[in-house]
Amino acid sequence: MQLSRTQVPLPDGRTLDMILPCYLIEMEDKLRILVDTGINDDAVRPPGTPPAQDKSTVFEQLATLYLDPDDIDIVICTHFDVDHAGYHDKFPDAEFIVQREHYEIARHGNKRTDATRAHWGAFGLKYRLIHGDHEILPGVHCIETSGHVPGHQSVMVELPNTGKVLLAIDAVMFQSQFVRDRKPGPNDVDAKLTVKSTNKLLDLVERENVALTVFGHDGAQWRNLKTCAEFYD
């Protein structure tokens, strides 16, 4: 589900096409999993950030599928950055799954996660804390990929017809970064862990014969993907 698109000018004159997505997984028994909740209007954007285009909220995207927040059973929290955790508080009936390391760092106070504390830290939210790689349901795997932030997690889904789909999230934001000797980005907290996690995902793709890898903010790739209300099955 694309929530917004932004054209970011680069110093060399090129333009970087960025998208902010969420993902919906529907199990055979109709249990529904949302991966992240997107950016809230209260998010403070860096100075000079261009205005978003094609902007929508996770609720508007869900509505195209005739779904409400009450229809979401699980939210996989990849991390608590402003563009990923902006509406956690609007899903009070869901179970939230997050890496224990990330949650504990955020809970004790962290400048980066404090920006969305009002949303991920809302009273009454139910969290399940996991450690490392974990199959949360048959065919739905959380993959620990620290580096961008401590306790970041990617998601792999096994689909009956498409095969295995890897959602790299912010472990690898752009397809051009999916190489062994990648350069970390300016918002990656730990450069060595970022490279290590990238190689972990490259190994996973090779070992598990992953059919599709979706990169966290790659607008160029997004133009060639099925998006709401299309789907992979």
Protein backbone atom coordinates (compact mmCIF):
# COMPACT_ATOMS: atom_id res chain seq x y z
CA MET A 1 0.00 0.00 0.00
CA GLN A 2 1.63 3.22 -1.13
CA LEU A 3 1.04 6.06 1.33
CA SER A 4 2.99 8.78 -0.45
CA ARG A 5 5.60 9.48 -3.13
CA THR A 6 8.33 12.10 -2.89
CA GLN A 7 10.77 13.36 -5.53
CA VAL A 8 14.03 14.14 -3.73
CA PRO A 9 16.63 16.22 -5.66
CA LEU A 10 20.21 14.94 -5.39
CA PRO A 11 23.41 17.06 -5.43
CA ASP A 12 24.40 15.69 -8.85
CA GLY A 13 21.16 16.93 -10.42
CA ARG A 14 19.36 13.58 -10.46
CA THR A 15 16.03 13.02 -8.74
CA LEU A 16 15.44 10.20 -6.27
CA ASP A 17 11.95 8.70 -6.43
CA MET A 18 10.95 7.65 -2.89
CA ILE A 19 7.77 5.99 -1.67
CA LEU A 20 6.44 5.38 1.84
CA PRO A 21 4.61 2.03 1.89
CA CYS A 22 2.81 -0.33 4.25
CA TYR A 23 1.97 -3.95 3.48
CA LEU A 24 -1.07 -6.12 4.14
CA ILE A 25 -0.85 -9.91 4.47
CA GLU A 26 -4.05 -11.94 4.49
CA MET A 27 -3.84 -15.54 5.67
CA GLU A 28 -6.05 -18.35 4.33
CA ASP A 29 -8.23 -18.13 7.45
CA LYS A 30 -8.67 -14.36 6.82
CA LEU A 31 -6.39 -13.36 9.69
CA ARG A 32 -4.85 -10.06 8.57
CA ILE A 33 -1.36 -8.77 9.25
CA LEU A 34 -0.33 -5.16 8.65
CA VAL A 35 3.38 -4.43 8.25
CA ASP A 36 3.91 -0.91 9.68
CA THR A 37 1.32 1.87 9.87
CA GLY A 38 2.94 4.71 7.94
CA ILE A 39 3.62 8.38 8.60
CA ASN A 40 1.34 10.62 10.63
CA ASP A 41 0.62 14.23 9.75
CA ASP A 42 2.26 15.23 13.03
CA ALA A 43 5.65 13.92 11.86
CA VAL A 44 8.42 16.51 11.72
CA ARG A 45 10.05 16.34 8.30
CA PRO A 46 13.69 17.36 7.77
CA PRO A 47 14.14 20.94 6.51
CA GLY A 48 14.02 21.17 2.74
CA THR A 49 12.10 17.91 2.27
CA PRO A 50 9.89 18.24 -0.81
CA PRO A 51 6.14 17.90 -0.29
CA ALA A 52 4.70 14.43 -0.68
CA GLN A 53 2.73 13.50 -3.79
CA ASP A 54 -0.08 10.95 -4.16
CA LYS A 55 -0.45 11.15 -0.40
CA SER A 56 -2.87 8.90 1.47
CA THR A 57 -3.15 7.29 4.89
CA VAL A 58 -3.15 3.63 5.80
CA PHE A 59 -6.88 4.00 6.55
CA GLU A 60 -7.64 5.25 3.04
CA GLN A 61 -5.67 2.36 1.57
CA LEU A 62 -7.45 -0.17 3.77
CA ALA A 63 -10.80 1.35 2.79
CA THR A 64 -10.15 0.48 -0.86
CA LEU A 65 -10.19 -3.15 0.34
CA TYR A 66 -13.33 -2.52 2.45
CA LEU A 67 -11.31 -2.92 5.64
CA ASP A 68 -11.18 -0.91 8.87
CA PRO A 69 -8.52 -0.86 11.63
CA ASP A 70 -10.70 -3.34 13.55
CA ASP A 71 -10.08 -5.88 10.77
CA ILE A 72 -6.34 -5.98 11.48
CA ASP A 73 -5.28 -8.78 13.83
CA ILE A 74 -1.50 -8.29 13.92
CA VAL A 75 0.80 -5.35 13.21
CA ILE A 76 4.43 -6.23 12.53
CA CYS A 77 6.47 -3.24 13.68
CA THR A 78 9.66 -3.17 11.63
CA HIS A 79 10.87 -0.20 13.70
CA PHE A 80 9.54 3.00 15.25
CA ASP A 81 10.81 5.62 12.76
CA VAL A 82 8.28 8.37 11.94
CA ASP A 83 7.42 6.93 8.51
CA HIS A 84 6.72 3.47 9.90
CA ALA A 85 4.95 3.88 13.25
CA GLY A 86 2.73 6.92 12.82
CA TYR A 87 -0.64 5.27 13.44
CA HIS A 88 0.01 2.38 15.84
CA ASP A 89 -2.41 3.91 18.33
CA LYS A 90 -5.27 3.60 15.82
CA PHE A 91 -5.10 -0.21 15.93
CA PRO A 92 -5.89 -0.86 19.62
CA ASP A 93 -7.27 -4.36 19.03
CA ALA A 94 -4.22 -5.67 17.17
CA GLU A 95 -1.23 -7.55 18.56
CA PHE A 96 2.02 -5.69 17.83
CA ILE A 97 5.16 -7.71 17.11
CA VAL A 98 8.53 -5.99 17.50
CA GLN A 99 12.10 -7.00 18.22
CA ARG A 100 12.75 -6.89 21.97
CA GLU A 101 15.99 -4.93 21.51
CA HIS A 102 14.24 -2.18 19.56
CA TYR A 103 11.34 -1.95 21.99
CA GLU A 104 13.55 -1.79 25.08
CA ILE A 105 15.74 0.95 23.61
CA ALA A 106 12.65 2.95 22.67
CA ARG A 107 10.92 2.36 26.01
CA HIS A 108 13.86 3.76 27.95
CA GLY A 109 14.00 6.90 25.83
CA ASN A 110 15.66 7.51 22.50
CA LYS A 111 15.61 10.70 20.45
CA ARG A 112 14.75 8.87 17.25
CA THR A 113 11.90 6.77 18.64
CA ASP A 114 10.61 9.51 20.93
CA ALA A 115 9.29 11.24 17.80
CA THR A 116 6.58 8.57 17.52
CA ARG A 117 6.20 7.65 21.20
CA ALA A 118 2.67 9.06 21.32
CA HIS A 119 1.70 6.45 18.72
CA TRP A 120 3.69 3.28 19.48
CA GLY A 121 3.61 3.96 23.22
CA ALA A 122 -0.13 4.61 23.50
CA PHE A 123 -1.79 3.13 26.58
CA GLY A 124 -3.23 -0.33 26.16
CA LEU A 125 -1.37 -1.50 23.04
CA LYS A 126 -0.51 -5.21 23.24
CA TYR A 127 3.09 -6.03 22.31
CA ARG A 128 4.70 -9.39 21.64
CA LEU A 129 8.47 -9.03 21.92
CA ILE A 130 10.60 -11.41 19.87
CA HIS A 131 14.33 -11.93 19.64
CA GLY A 132 16.04 -12.59 16.34
CA ASP A 133 14.56 -14.43 13.36
CA HIS A 134 11.10 -15.77 14.13
CA GLU A 135 8.25 -17.45 12.24
CA ILE A 136 5.22 -15.72 13.73
CA LEU A 137 2.72 -17.76 11.71
CA PRO A 138 3.20 -20.49 9.09
CA GLY A 139 4.88 -18.80 6.14
CA VAL A 140 5.33 -15.39 7.80
CA HIS A 141 8.85 -14.74 9.06
CA CYS A 142 10.36 -11.77 10.88
CA ILE A 143 14.06 -11.42 9.99
CA GLU A 144 16.26 -9.45 12.39
CA THR A 145 18.23 -6.91 10.35
CA SER A 146 19.81 -4.38 12.71
CA GLY A 147 21.93 -1.55 11.35
CA HIS A 148 19.48 1.06 10.13
CA VAL A 149 18.40 1.03 13.77
CA PRO A 150 19.01 -1.53 16.53
CA GLY A 151 16.40 -4.26 16.36
CA HIS A 152 15.14 -3.46 12.88
CA GLN A 153 13.29 -6.33 11.25
CA SER A 154 12.48 -7.30 7.69
CA VAL A 155 9.66 -9.68 6.73
CA MET A 156 9.50 -12.73 4.46
CA VAL A 157 6.18 -14.17 3.31
CA GLU A 158 5.66 -17.53 1.58
CA LEU A 159 2.83 -17.28 -0.96
CA PRO A 160 1.29 -20.33 -2.68
CA ASN A 161 1.64 -19.08 -6.26
CA THR A 162 4.19 -16.24 -6.19
CA GLY A 163 6.62 -18.02 -3.91
CA LYS A 164 8.70 -16.30 -1.26
CA VAL A 165 8.51 -12.51 -1.05
CA LEU A 166 11.05 -10.56 1.00
CA LEU A 167 10.11 -7.13 2.35
CA ALA A 168 13.53 -5.66 3.09
CA ILE A 169 12.04 -2.50 4.65
CA ASP A 170 14.82 -0.07 5.69
CA ALA A 171 17.54 -2.71 5.89
CA VAL A 172 17.79 -2.07 2.14
CA MET A 173 15.87 0.98 0.96
CA PHE A 174 16.82 0.87 -2.73
CA GLN A 175 17.65 -1.91 -5.15
CA SER A 176 20.99 -0.25 -5.92
CA GLN A 177 22.03 -0.90 -2.30
CA PHE A 178 21.44 -4.65 -2.52
CA VAL A 179 25.09 -5.56 -3.08
CA ARG A 180 27.76 -7.12 -0.89
CA ASP A 181 29.88 -3.98 -0.60
CA ARG A 182 27.05 -1.48 -0.20
CA LYS A 183 27.52 1.94 1.36
CA PRO A 184 25.29 2.69 4.38
CA GLY A 185 22.97 5.68 4.18
CA PRO A 186 23.03 8.81 6.34
CA ASN A 187 20.20 7.54 8.56
CA ASP A 188 21.76 4.14 9.24
CA VAL A 189 22.87 4.06 12.87
CA ASP A 190 25.48 1.30 12.61
CA ALA A 191 27.39 1.07 9.32
CA LYS A 192 28.93 -2.37 9.96
CA LEU A 193 25.62 -3.92 11.01
CA THR A 194 23.89 -2.36 8.00
CA VAL A 195 26.30 -4.12 5.67
CA LYS A 196 26.06 -7.34 7.69
CA SER A 197 22.25 -7.31 7.50
CA THR A 198 22.36 -6.61 3.75
CA ASN A 199 24.56 -9.66 3.25
CA LYS A 200 22.28 -11.70 5.50
CA LEU A 201 19.36 -10.85 3.21
CA LEU A 202 21.41 -11.56 0.07
CA ASP A 203 22.25 -14.98 1.51
CA LEU A 204 18.57 -15.52 2.35
CA VAL A 205 17.48 -14.68 -1.19
CA GLU A 206 19.96 -17.17 -2.63
CA ARG A 207 19.36 -19.93 -0.08
CA GLU A 208 15.55 -19.73 -0.08
CA ASN A 209 15.09 -18.98 -3.80
CA VAL A 210 13.18 -15.79 -2.98
CA ALA A 211 10.97 -14.86 -5.93
CA LEU A 212 10.61 -11.15 -5.18
CA THR A 213 12.49 -8.69 -2.98
CA VAL A 214 10.72 -5.41 -2.26
CA PHE A 215 13.00 -2.56 -1.18
CA GLY A 216 11.94 -0.14 1.54
CA HIS A 217 11.55 3.17 -0.31
CA ASP A 218 12.37 2.44 -3.95
CA GLY A 219 9.89 4.45 -6.01
CA ALA A 220 11.37 3.21 -9.29
CA GLN A 221 10.77 -0.40 -8.31
CA TRP A 222 7.32 0.43 -6.95
CA ARG A 223 6.12 1.41 -10.43
CA ASN A 224 6.57 -2.21 -11.50
CA LEU A 225 4.93 -3.86 -8.49
CA LYS A 226 1.34 -4.88 -7.86
CA THR A 227 -0.16 -2.37 -5.46
CA CYS A 228 -3.46 -1.93 -3.66
CA ALA A 229 -5.98 -3.21 -4.70
CA GLU A 230 -3.88 -5.62 -6.79
CA PHE A 231 -2.12 -8.35 -4.85
CA TYR A 232 0.36 -11.21 -4.92
CA ASP A 233 -1.02 -14.65 -4.09
